[in-house]
Amino acid sequence: MILNGDGAALPKAVGYVRTGCLDQEAAALQKNLILKYAQEKGFQLVGIYEDTGLIRGALEALLEAAGNKEFSLVITDKVKNFLYQDKYRELFAQGVALYFTQPGDSLALEKKKAKGKASELKRSYLAAKQAERKIYSL
């Protein structure tokens, strides 16, 4: 157990990296963002799960570990990583919070806020995407 300066245990966190191709540079960037975010927030990063290219299965392993109470929060770079097949609902059911490194996705969703917030999560993601499109269309 790692303690902060006040003697309290640091919350255990894991990272989740997802890339659509075998782009090692994109995966490395996501990992760096997760590491930096965990350090800034004072979380104990106990692992990073990685789904890259055609290699999948890390998300399922992450969900299994959440069920075993191995951590209390997940850090990822984008909301869309958990919109896939509504996987965020499974995390919420386990009492796991989600934190996003991307400014447009900066939502810390906790279990007690999960009811009724799933649609808000999707709306937030769509709003961020729409804002992104507006920037590119200028």
N, C-alpha and C. Protein backbone atom coordinates (compact mmCIF):
# COMPACT_ATOMS: atom_id res chain seq x y z
N MET A 1 0.84 -1.17 0.00
CA MET A 1 0.00 0.00 0.00
C MET A 1 0.89 1.24 0.00
N ILE A 2 0.58 2.18 -0.86
CA ILE A 2 1.34 3.43 -0.94
C ILE A 2 0.53 4.52 -0.25
N LEU A 3 1.19 5.31 0.60
CA LEU A 3 0.52 6.36 1.36
C LEU A 3 0.95 7.72 0.85
N ASN A 4 0.02 8.69 0.97
CA ASN A 4 0.38 10.06 0.62
C ASN A 4 1.05 10.72 1.81
N GLY A 5 1.34 11.99 1.73
CA GLY A 5 2.02 12.71 2.80
C GLY A 5 1.24 12.77 4.10
N ASP A 6 -0.08 12.62 4.02
CA ASP A 6 -0.92 12.64 5.21
C ASP A 6 -1.13 11.26 5.82
N GLY A 7 -0.52 10.23 5.23
CA GLY A 7 -0.66 8.88 5.73
C GLY A 7 -1.87 8.12 5.20
N ALA A 8 -2.62 8.75 4.28
CA ALA A 8 -3.78 8.09 3.68
C ALA A 8 -3.34 7.28 2.46
N ALA A 9 -4.00 6.17 2.23
CA ALA A 9 -3.68 5.32 1.08
C ALA A 9 -4.08 6.03 -0.21
N LEU A 10 -3.22 5.94 -1.22
CA LEU A 10 -3.54 6.50 -2.53
C LEU A 10 -4.56 5.60 -3.21
N PRO A 11 -5.55 6.18 -3.90
CA PRO A 11 -6.51 5.36 -4.63
C PRO A 11 -5.81 4.55 -5.72
N LYS A 12 -6.16 3.28 -5.84
CA LYS A 12 -5.58 2.44 -6.88
C LYS A 12 -6.29 2.69 -8.20
N ALA A 13 -5.48 2.87 -9.23
CA ALA A 13 -6.01 3.15 -10.56
C ALA A 13 -5.34 2.25 -11.59
N VAL A 14 -6.04 2.03 -12.69
CA VAL A 14 -5.44 1.40 -13.86
C VAL A 14 -5.70 2.30 -15.06
N GLY A 15 -4.85 2.16 -16.05
CA GLY A 15 -5.04 2.88 -17.29
C GLY A 15 -5.61 1.95 -18.34
N TYR A 16 -6.28 2.54 -19.33
CA TYR A 16 -6.77 1.75 -20.46
C TYR A 16 -6.42 2.48 -21.74
N VAL A 17 -5.68 1.79 -22.61
CA VAL A 17 -5.23 2.33 -23.89
C VAL A 17 -5.94 1.56 -24.99
N ARG A 18 -6.48 2.29 -25.96
CA ARG A 18 -7.13 1.65 -27.10
C ARG A 18 -6.76 2.41 -28.37
N THR A 19 -6.17 1.71 -29.32
CA THR A 19 -5.87 2.31 -30.62
C THR A 19 -6.46 1.42 -31.70
N GLY A 20 -6.83 2.02 -32.79
CA GLY A 20 -7.47 1.29 -33.88
C GLY A 20 -6.49 0.62 -34.83
N CYS A 21 -5.23 0.90 -34.67
CA CYS A 21 -4.24 0.32 -35.57
C CYS A 21 -2.99 -0.03 -34.76
N LEU A 22 -2.01 -0.54 -35.41
CA LEU A 22 -0.77 -0.90 -34.72
C LEU A 22 0.17 0.29 -34.58
N ASP A 23 -0.40 1.43 -34.24
CA ASP A 23 0.35 2.67 -34.10
C ASP A 23 0.96 2.75 -32.71
N GLN A 24 2.21 2.35 -32.59
CA GLN A 24 2.90 2.35 -31.30
C GLN A 24 3.06 3.75 -30.75
N GLU A 25 3.18 4.73 -31.65
CA GLU A 25 3.34 6.11 -31.21
C GLU A 25 2.07 6.60 -30.50
N ALA A 26 0.90 6.28 -31.07
CA ALA A 26 -0.37 6.68 -30.45
C ALA A 26 -0.55 5.98 -29.10
N ALA A 27 -0.19 4.71 -29.03
CA ALA A 27 -0.30 3.96 -27.77
C ALA A 27 0.63 4.56 -26.72
N ALA A 28 1.84 4.90 -27.12
CA ALA A 28 2.81 5.49 -26.19
C ALA A 28 2.31 6.85 -25.69
N LEU A 29 1.72 7.63 -26.57
CA LEU A 29 1.18 8.93 -26.17
C LEU A 29 0.07 8.76 -25.14
N GLN A 30 -0.84 7.82 -25.39
CA GLN A 30 -1.92 7.56 -24.43
C GLN A 30 -1.36 7.13 -23.08
N LYS A 31 -0.37 6.25 -23.09
CA LYS A 31 0.24 5.79 -21.83
C LYS A 31 0.86 6.96 -21.07
N ASN A 32 1.56 7.82 -21.79
CA ASN A 32 2.19 8.98 -21.14
C ASN A 32 1.15 9.91 -20.52
N LEU A 33 0.03 10.12 -21.24
CA LEU A 33 -1.05 10.96 -20.70
C LEU A 33 -1.64 10.34 -19.43
N ILE A 34 -1.82 9.03 -19.44
CA ILE A 34 -2.36 8.32 -18.28
C ILE A 34 -1.40 8.43 -17.10
N LEU A 35 -0.12 8.19 -17.34
CA LEU A 35 0.89 8.29 -16.27
C LEU A 35 0.92 9.69 -15.66
N LYS A 36 0.92 10.69 -16.52
CA LYS A 36 0.96 12.08 -16.06
C LYS A 36 -0.29 12.41 -15.25
N TYR A 37 -1.45 12.00 -15.75
CA TYR A 37 -2.71 12.29 -15.07
C TYR A 37 -2.74 11.64 -13.69
N ALA A 38 -2.33 10.37 -13.61
CA ALA A 38 -2.32 9.66 -12.33
C ALA A 38 -1.40 10.35 -11.33
N GLN A 39 -0.25 10.78 -11.80
CA GLN A 39 0.70 11.46 -10.94
C GLN A 39 0.13 12.79 -10.45
N GLU A 40 -0.46 13.56 -11.36
CA GLU A 40 -1.01 14.87 -11.00
C GLU A 40 -2.16 14.75 -9.99
N LYS A 41 -2.97 13.71 -10.12
CA LYS A 41 -4.13 13.54 -9.26
C LYS A 41 -3.83 12.77 -7.98
N GLY A 42 -2.63 12.22 -7.88
CA GLY A 42 -2.26 11.48 -6.68
C GLY A 42 -2.84 10.08 -6.62
N PHE A 43 -2.96 9.44 -7.77
CA PHE A 43 -3.46 8.07 -7.85
C PHE A 43 -2.28 7.10 -7.93
N GLN A 44 -2.44 5.92 -7.34
CA GLN A 44 -1.44 4.86 -7.46
C GLN A 44 -1.79 4.05 -8.70
N LEU A 45 -1.01 4.20 -9.76
CA LEU A 45 -1.25 3.46 -11.01
C LEU A 45 -0.69 2.05 -10.86
N VAL A 46 -1.58 1.06 -10.85
CA VAL A 46 -1.16 -0.32 -10.61
C VAL A 46 -1.05 -1.13 -11.90
N GLY A 47 -1.42 -0.54 -13.04
CA GLY A 47 -1.30 -1.24 -14.31
C GLY A 47 -1.94 -0.48 -15.44
N ILE A 48 -1.59 -0.88 -16.66
CA ILE A 48 -2.21 -0.31 -17.86
C ILE A 48 -2.64 -1.46 -18.74
N TYR A 49 -3.92 -1.46 -19.10
CA TYR A 49 -4.48 -2.45 -20.02
C TYR A 49 -4.46 -1.84 -21.41
N GLU A 50 -4.08 -2.65 -22.40
CA GLU A 50 -3.83 -2.10 -23.73
C GLU A 50 -4.48 -2.95 -24.83
N ASP A 51 -5.41 -2.34 -25.57
CA ASP A 51 -6.00 -2.94 -26.77
C ASP A 51 -5.48 -2.14 -27.97
N THR A 52 -4.57 -2.75 -28.74
CA THR A 52 -4.01 -2.05 -29.89
C THR A 52 -4.14 -2.89 -31.14
N GLY A 53 -4.43 -2.21 -32.23
CA GLY A 53 -4.54 -2.90 -33.51
C GLY A 53 -5.53 -4.04 -33.47
N LEU A 54 -5.10 -5.18 -33.92
CA LEU A 54 -5.96 -6.36 -33.97
C LEU A 54 -5.93 -7.15 -32.67
N ILE A 55 -5.07 -6.76 -31.75
CA ILE A 55 -4.95 -7.46 -30.47
C ILE A 55 -5.95 -6.87 -29.50
N ARG A 56 -6.96 -7.64 -29.15
CA ARG A 56 -8.01 -7.18 -28.23
C ARG A 56 -8.12 -8.16 -27.07
N GLY A 57 -8.84 -7.79 -26.06
CA GLY A 57 -9.03 -8.64 -24.91
C GLY A 57 -8.67 -7.96 -23.60
N ALA A 58 -7.97 -6.83 -23.68
CA ALA A 58 -7.56 -6.12 -22.47
C ALA A 58 -8.76 -5.53 -21.74
N LEU A 59 -9.76 -5.06 -22.48
CA LEU A 59 -10.93 -4.48 -21.84
C LEU A 59 -11.67 -5.53 -21.01
N GLU A 60 -11.78 -6.73 -21.55
CA GLU A 60 -12.44 -7.80 -20.80
C GLU A 60 -11.64 -8.15 -19.54
N ALA A 61 -10.31 -8.16 -19.65
CA ALA A 61 -9.46 -8.42 -18.49
C ALA A 61 -9.61 -7.31 -17.45
N LEU A 62 -9.71 -6.07 -17.91
CA LEU A 62 -9.91 -4.93 -17.02
C LEU A 62 -11.24 -5.07 -16.28
N LEU A 63 -12.29 -5.45 -16.99
CA LEU A 63 -13.61 -5.62 -16.36
C LEU A 63 -13.58 -6.75 -15.32
N GLU A 64 -12.86 -7.80 -15.62
CA GLU A 64 -12.73 -8.90 -14.67
C GLU A 64 -11.99 -8.44 -13.40
N ALA A 65 -10.91 -7.68 -13.60
CA ALA A 65 -10.15 -7.16 -12.45
C ALA A 65 -11.00 -6.19 -11.63
N ALA A 66 -11.85 -5.42 -12.31
CA ALA A 66 -12.76 -4.52 -11.60
C ALA A 66 -13.70 -5.32 -10.71
N GLY A 67 -14.18 -6.44 -11.23
CA GLY A 67 -15.05 -7.31 -10.45
C GLY A 67 -14.35 -7.89 -9.24
N ASN A 68 -13.04 -8.05 -9.32
CA ASN A 68 -12.23 -8.56 -8.20
C ASN A 68 -11.77 -7.45 -7.26
N LYS A 69 -12.23 -6.22 -7.51
CA LYS A 69 -11.91 -5.06 -6.66
C LYS A 69 -10.41 -4.78 -6.58
N GLU A 70 -9.72 -4.95 -7.71
CA GLU A 70 -8.27 -4.72 -7.73
C GLU A 70 -7.91 -3.23 -7.83
N PHE A 71 -8.87 -2.39 -8.16
CA PHE A 71 -8.67 -0.95 -8.28
C PHE A 71 -10.01 -0.26 -8.12
N SER A 72 -9.97 1.07 -7.93
CA SER A 72 -11.21 1.81 -7.74
C SER A 72 -11.50 2.81 -8.85
N LEU A 73 -10.54 2.99 -9.77
CA LEU A 73 -10.80 3.91 -10.87
C LEU A 73 -9.99 3.55 -12.10
N VAL A 74 -10.49 4.00 -13.24
CA VAL A 74 -9.84 3.76 -14.53
C VAL A 74 -9.55 5.11 -15.17
N ILE A 75 -8.35 5.24 -15.71
CA ILE A 75 -7.96 6.44 -16.44
C ILE A 75 -7.78 6.06 -17.89
N THR A 76 -8.41 6.78 -18.78
CA THR A 76 -8.25 6.56 -20.21
C THR A 76 -8.22 7.92 -20.89
N ASP A 77 -7.91 7.94 -22.18
CA ASP A 77 -7.78 9.26 -22.82
C ASP A 77 -9.07 9.80 -23.39
N LYS A 78 -10.01 8.94 -23.76
CA LYS A 78 -11.22 9.41 -24.43
C LYS A 78 -12.46 8.67 -23.95
N VAL A 79 -13.57 9.39 -23.94
CA VAL A 79 -14.86 8.79 -23.58
C VAL A 79 -15.18 7.62 -24.49
N LYS A 80 -14.89 7.75 -25.77
CA LYS A 80 -15.31 6.72 -26.72
C LYS A 80 -14.71 5.34 -26.42
N ASN A 81 -13.61 5.29 -25.67
CA ASN A 81 -13.04 3.99 -25.32
C ASN A 81 -14.01 3.14 -24.51
N PHE A 82 -14.93 3.78 -23.80
CA PHE A 82 -15.87 3.03 -22.98
C PHE A 82 -17.30 3.10 -23.49
N LEU A 83 -17.55 3.85 -24.54
CA LEU A 83 -18.89 3.84 -25.14
C LEU A 83 -19.11 2.57 -25.93
N TYR A 84 -18.02 1.95 -26.36
CA TYR A 84 -18.09 0.71 -27.12
C TYR A 84 -18.85 -0.34 -26.31
N GLN A 85 -19.95 -0.78 -26.82
CA GLN A 85 -20.80 -1.80 -26.19
C GLN A 85 -21.18 -1.44 -24.76
N ASP A 86 -21.28 -0.15 -24.47
CA ASP A 86 -21.70 0.32 -23.14
C ASP A 86 -20.91 -0.32 -22.00
N LYS A 87 -19.63 -0.51 -22.18
CA LYS A 87 -18.80 -1.15 -21.16
C LYS A 87 -18.71 -0.33 -19.88
N TYR A 88 -18.93 0.98 -19.96
CA TYR A 88 -18.86 1.81 -18.77
C TYR A 88 -19.91 1.39 -17.75
N ARG A 89 -21.04 0.85 -18.19
CA ARG A 89 -22.08 0.40 -17.25
C ARG A 89 -21.56 -0.72 -16.35
N GLU A 90 -20.76 -1.61 -16.93
CA GLU A 90 -20.18 -2.70 -16.15
C GLU A 90 -19.23 -2.16 -15.07
N LEU A 91 -18.46 -1.13 -15.44
CA LEU A 91 -17.56 -0.53 -14.46
C LEU A 91 -18.35 0.13 -13.33
N PHE A 92 -19.38 0.88 -13.69
CA PHE A 92 -20.20 1.55 -12.69
C PHE A 92 -20.82 0.53 -11.74
N ALA A 93 -21.26 -0.60 -12.28
CA ALA A 93 -21.87 -1.64 -11.46
C ALA A 93 -20.87 -2.18 -10.43
N GLN A 94 -19.58 -2.10 -10.74
CA GLN A 94 -18.53 -2.56 -9.82
C GLN A 94 -18.05 -1.45 -8.88
N GLY A 95 -18.64 -0.26 -9.03
CA GLY A 95 -18.24 0.87 -8.18
C GLY A 95 -16.96 1.55 -8.62
N VAL A 96 -16.60 1.39 -9.88
CA VAL A 96 -15.36 1.96 -10.41
C VAL A 96 -15.66 3.30 -11.10
N ALA A 97 -14.83 4.30 -10.81
CA ALA A 97 -14.97 5.63 -11.42
C ALA A 97 -14.13 5.69 -12.69
N LEU A 98 -14.55 6.54 -13.62
CA LEU A 98 -13.82 6.76 -14.87
C LEU A 98 -13.27 8.18 -14.88
N TYR A 99 -12.02 8.30 -15.26
CA TYR A 99 -11.38 9.60 -15.42
C TYR A 99 -10.79 9.65 -16.82
N PHE A 100 -10.92 10.82 -17.46
CA PHE A 100 -10.47 10.99 -18.84
C PHE A 100 -9.38 12.06 -18.91
N THR A 101 -8.31 11.76 -19.66
CA THR A 101 -7.20 12.71 -19.77
C THR A 101 -7.48 13.82 -20.76
N GLN A 102 -8.41 13.62 -21.69
CA GLN A 102 -8.70 14.62 -22.70
C GLN A 102 -9.56 15.73 -22.10
N PRO A 103 -9.21 17.01 -22.34
CA PRO A 103 -9.97 18.12 -21.75
C PRO A 103 -11.46 18.08 -22.07
N GLY A 104 -11.83 17.75 -23.28
CA GLY A 104 -13.24 17.70 -23.66
C GLY A 104 -13.98 16.55 -23.01
N ASP A 105 -13.25 15.61 -22.48
CA ASP A 105 -13.84 14.42 -21.87
C ASP A 105 -13.65 14.40 -20.35
N SER A 106 -13.30 15.53 -19.77
CA SER A 106 -12.92 15.53 -18.36
C SER A 106 -14.13 15.36 -17.45
N LEU A 107 -14.59 14.14 -17.36
CA LEU A 107 -15.71 13.80 -16.49
C LEU A 107 -15.24 12.72 -15.53
N ALA A 108 -15.38 12.94 -14.26
CA ALA A 108 -15.09 11.89 -13.28
C ALA A 108 -16.43 11.31 -12.87
N LEU A 109 -16.76 10.15 -13.41
CA LEU A 109 -18.06 9.56 -13.17
C LEU A 109 -17.95 8.49 -12.11
N GLU A 110 -18.68 8.64 -11.06
CA GLU A 110 -18.63 7.70 -9.96
C GLU A 110 -19.91 6.89 -9.91
N LYS A 111 -19.88 5.79 -9.22
CA LYS A 111 -21.02 4.87 -9.15
C LYS A 111 -22.30 5.57 -8.69
N LYS A 112 -22.19 6.40 -7.67
CA LYS A 112 -23.39 7.04 -7.14
C LYS A 112 -24.02 8.02 -8.13
N LYS A 113 -23.26 8.45 -9.12
CA LYS A 113 -23.76 9.36 -10.13
C LYS A 113 -24.16 8.64 -11.41
N ALA A 114 -23.94 7.34 -11.46
CA ALA A 114 -24.09 6.59 -12.70
C ALA A 114 -25.53 6.54 -13.20
N LYS A 115 -26.48 6.40 -12.30
CA LYS A 115 -27.87 6.31 -12.72
C LYS A 115 -28.28 7.61 -13.39
N GLY A 116 -28.75 7.50 -14.60
CA GLY A 116 -29.17 8.67 -15.35
C GLY A 116 -28.05 9.44 -15.99
N LYS A 117 -26.82 9.07 -15.71
CA LYS A 117 -25.68 9.80 -16.27
C LYS A 117 -25.15 9.16 -17.54
N ALA A 118 -25.57 7.96 -17.85
CA ALA A 118 -25.07 7.30 -19.05
C ALA A 118 -25.39 8.12 -20.29
N SER A 119 -26.62 8.61 -20.39
CA SER A 119 -26.97 9.42 -21.56
C SER A 119 -26.22 10.74 -21.54
N GLU A 120 -25.93 11.27 -20.34
CA GLU A 120 -25.15 12.50 -20.24
C GLU A 120 -23.73 12.27 -20.75
N LEU A 121 -23.17 11.11 -20.45
CA LEU A 121 -21.85 10.75 -20.94
C LEU A 121 -21.82 10.75 -22.46
N LYS A 122 -22.82 10.14 -23.07
CA LYS A 122 -22.89 10.10 -24.52
C LYS A 122 -23.09 11.50 -25.10
N ARG A 123 -23.95 12.31 -24.46
CA ARG A 123 -24.16 13.68 -24.95
C ARG A 123 -22.88 14.50 -24.85
N SER A 124 -22.14 14.32 -23.77
CA SER A 124 -20.88 15.02 -23.59
C SER A 124 -19.89 14.65 -24.69
N TYR A 125 -19.82 13.37 -24.98
CA TYR A 125 -18.93 12.90 -26.03
C TYR A 125 -19.32 13.50 -27.38
N LEU A 126 -20.62 13.48 -27.69
CA LEU A 126 -21.09 14.01 -28.97
C LEU A 126 -20.86 15.51 -29.06
N ALA A 127 -21.06 16.22 -27.94
CA ALA A 127 -20.81 17.66 -27.93
C ALA A 127 -19.33 17.96 -28.16
N ALA A 128 -18.46 17.17 -27.54
CA ALA A 128 -17.02 17.37 -27.73
C ALA A 128 -16.63 17.11 -29.17
N LYS A 129 -17.21 16.07 -29.77
CA LYS A 129 -16.93 15.77 -31.17
C LYS A 129 -17.44 16.89 -32.08
N GLN A 130 -18.64 17.42 -31.79
CA GLN A 130 -19.18 18.50 -32.60
C GLN A 130 -18.29 19.74 -32.48
N ALA A 131 -17.84 20.05 -31.29
CA ALA A 131 -16.94 21.19 -31.09
C ALA A 131 -15.63 20.98 -31.84
N GLU A 132 -15.14 19.75 -31.85
CA GLU A 132 -13.92 19.41 -32.56
C GLU A 132 -14.10 19.67 -34.06
N ARG A 133 -15.25 19.26 -34.59
CA ARG A 133 -15.54 19.47 -36.02
C ARG A 133 -15.58 20.95 -36.36
N LYS A 134 -16.16 21.75 -35.46
CA LYS A 134 -16.25 23.20 -35.69
C LYS A 134 -14.86 23.80 -35.78
N ILE A 135 -13.97 23.35 -34.93
CA ILE A 135 -12.59 23.85 -34.95
C ILE A 135 -11.94 23.56 -36.29
N TYR A 136 -12.11 22.32 -36.79
CA TYR A 136 -11.50 21.93 -38.05
C TYR A 136 -12.14 22.61 -39.25
N SER A 137 -13.39 23.04 -39.12
CA SER A 137 -14.08 23.62 -40.27
C SER A 137 -13.86 25.11 -40.40
N LEU A 138 -13.16 25.74 -39.45
CA LEU A 138 -12.90 27.19 -39.51
C LEU A 138 -12.02 27.56 -40.65
